[in-house]
Protein backbone atom coordinates (compact mmCIF):
# COMPACT_ATOMS: atom_id res chain seq x y z
CA MET A 1 -68.72 9.10 40.96
CA THR A 2 -70.34 10.70 44.17
CA ASP A 3 -69.18 7.96 46.33
CA LEU A 4 -65.55 8.70 45.61
CA ASP A 5 -63.65 10.95 47.88
CA ILE A 6 -60.27 12.59 46.89
CA ARG A 7 -58.05 14.03 49.53
CA CYS A 8 -54.49 14.65 50.46
CA ALA A 9 -52.60 11.75 52.08
CA GLY A 10 -51.08 12.53 55.70
CA LEU A 11 -48.21 10.84 57.53
CA THR A 12 -50.66 8.18 58.94
CA ASP A 13 -51.81 6.84 55.52
CA ILE A 14 -47.99 5.96 54.66
CA GLY A 15 -48.48 2.06 55.40
CA ALA A 16 -51.82 1.76 53.66
CA VAL A 17 -50.23 3.70 50.62
CA LEU A 18 -47.28 1.52 50.30
CA ARG A 19 -49.63 -1.65 50.60
CA PHE A 20 -51.80 -0.29 47.64
CA TRP A 21 -48.90 0.65 45.61
CA ARG A 22 -47.51 -3.01 45.95
CA GLU A 23 -50.88 -4.33 44.77
CA ALA A 24 -52.00 -1.56 42.36
CA ALA A 25 -49.04 0.04 41.02
CA GLU A 26 -46.67 -0.76 38.00
CA GLY A 27 -43.03 -1.05 38.80
CA THR A 28 -41.16 0.17 41.97
CA SER A 29 -39.31 2.91 42.85
CA ILE A 30 -36.05 3.62 45.18
CA THR A 31 -38.43 5.97 47.09
CA ASP A 32 -41.27 3.40 47.57
CA ASP A 33 -40.63 3.18 51.37
CA HIS A 34 -41.86 4.78 54.55
CA ASP A 35 -39.03 7.49 54.79
CA GLY A 36 -39.46 8.39 51.07
CA VAL A 37 -43.23 8.91 51.22
CA ALA A 38 -42.67 10.47 54.64
CA ARG A 39 -40.43 13.14 53.08
CA LEU A 40 -42.69 13.95 50.25
CA ILE A 41 -45.69 14.51 52.52
CA SER A 42 -43.68 16.48 54.96
CA ARG A 43 -42.18 18.51 52.30
CA ASP A 44 -45.52 19.02 50.19
CA PRO A 45 -48.57 18.08 52.18
CA GLU A 46 -50.68 18.52 49.36
CA ALA A 47 -48.74 16.46 46.57
CA LEU A 48 -49.98 12.91 47.31
CA LEU A 49 -53.41 12.53 46.22
CA LEU A 50 -55.87 9.66 47.47
CA ALA A 51 -59.03 8.49 45.98
CA GLU A 52 -60.95 6.51 48.50
CA ARG A 53 -64.02 4.47 48.38
CA ASP A 54 -65.83 3.24 51.42
CA GLY A 55 -62.81 4.23 53.65
CA ARG A 56 -60.35 2.19 51.24
CA ILE A 57 -57.84 3.55 48.89
CA ALA A 58 -58.90 3.03 45.19
CA GLY A 59 -56.46 5.15 43.42
CA THR A 60 -53.26 7.55 44.00
CA VAL A 61 -51.46 10.34 42.22
CA ILE A 62 -48.33 12.37 43.22
CA ALA A 63 -49.12 15.67 41.84
CA GLY A 64 -45.63 17.40 42.49
CA PHE A 65 -44.78 21.04 41.63
CA ASP A 66 -41.22 22.36 42.20
CA GLY A 67 -41.84 26.03 41.14
CA TRP A 68 -40.82 25.24 37.33
CA ARG A 69 -42.77 21.94 36.30
CA CYS A 70 -45.68 20.12 37.15
CA SER A 71 -44.96 16.15 37.57
CA ALA A 72 -47.63 13.63 37.77
CA TYR A 73 -46.06 10.10 39.31
CA ARG A 74 -47.97 7.05 40.71
CA LEU A 75 -51.09 7.23 39.10
CA ALA A 76 -52.36 3.89 40.24
CA VAL A 77 -56.22 2.49 40.41
CA HIS A 78 -56.92 -0.73 42.27
CA PRO A 79 -57.60 -3.62 39.82
CA ASP A 80 -60.97 -3.82 41.19
CA CYS A 81 -61.85 -0.24 40.49
CA ARG A 82 -60.32 0.07 37.02
CA ARG A 83 -62.33 1.65 34.10
CA GLN A 84 -64.77 3.45 36.75
CA GLY A 85 -63.28 6.88 36.10
CA ILE A 86 -61.00 6.93 39.07
CA ALA A 87 -57.78 7.82 37.33
CA GLY A 88 -59.62 10.62 35.32
CA ALA A 89 -61.04 12.06 38.85
CA LEU A 90 -57.45 11.84 40.07
CA MET A 91 -55.96 13.69 37.28
CA ASP A 92 -58.67 16.45 37.47
CA ALA A 93 -57.86 17.20 40.87
CA ALA A 94 -53.99 16.94 40.25
CA GLU A 95 -54.52 19.49 37.16
CA ARG A 96 -56.72 21.76 39.54
CA ARG A 97 -53.86 21.77 41.97
CA PHE A 98 -51.28 22.58 39.18
CA LEU A 99 -53.37 25.37 37.74
CA ALA A 100 -53.74 27.20 41.51
CA LEU A 101 -50.11 26.84 41.70
CA GLY A 102 -49.52 28.51 38.51
CA GLY A 103 -48.26 25.49 36.61
CA ARG A 104 -48.19 25.59 32.85
CA ARG A 105 -47.27 22.07 31.73
CA ILE A 106 -47.58 18.53 33.25
CA ASP A 107 -44.92 15.94 32.82
CA ALA A 108 -45.92 12.48 33.71
CA MET A 109 -43.87 9.35 34.47
CA VAL A 110 -45.18 6.61 32.54
CA LEU A 111 -43.59 3.24 32.20
CA GLU A 112 -42.60 2.24 28.54
CA SER A 113 -44.08 -1.34 29.09
CA ASN A 114 -47.49 -0.32 30.57
CA ALA A 115 -49.64 -0.41 27.46
CA GLN A 116 -52.83 0.08 29.74
CA ALA A 117 -51.27 3.52 31.13
CA HIS A 118 -50.55 4.52 27.70
CA HIS A 119 -54.16 4.50 26.75
CA THR A 120 -55.17 6.24 29.97
CA TRP A 121 -53.01 8.97 29.84
CA GLY A 122 -53.94 9.35 25.95
CA ALA A 123 -57.62 9.44 26.73
CA ALA A 124 -57.03 12.14 29.44
CA GLY A 125 -55.35 14.25 26.44
CA TYR A 126 -51.65 13.82 27.21
CA HIS A 127 -49.13 12.65 24.46
CA ARG A 128 -45.89 11.25 24.55
CA GLU A 129 -42.72 13.15 23.58
CA ASP A 130 -40.12 10.84 21.95
CA HIS A 131 -37.53 13.51 21.66
CA TRP A 132 -36.90 13.44 25.45
CA ARG A 133 -35.39 10.70 27.44
CA ARG A 134 -35.04 10.40 31.22
CA TRP A 135 -31.69 10.29 32.80
CA ILE A 136 -31.26 9.01 36.05
CA LYS A 137 -28.58 8.42 38.87
CA SER A 138 -29.54 7.05 42.15
CA LEU A 139 -28.10 8.40 45.48
């Protein structure tokens, strides 16, 4: 996979990332807007990882660390680029980041209805924890 470049997103990438997520990501989030992504990049410039091929986004993952837990969000690969190892390459980069920061466990947010993602995460060595449930409140 030598033609794949993985790098951190910058503020100038926000528009392209939002367009990419609309095409490649499952589901939407309350923070899927310019301000939400800008806040992420400004707070942690190394959290949003982009996989690019020929200058175009092929995949993304948010590798967030709050000093306590490592969290993976928005693992998405463009439909035309799936099954080429891009998700694995992104998660390898995220895991290296987490290890460098002293992380000890990764929590991944995966939509219950996204069976394809379940396979991807399982193949990468992740397992589902059924005794936990996510509780949310929008602000």
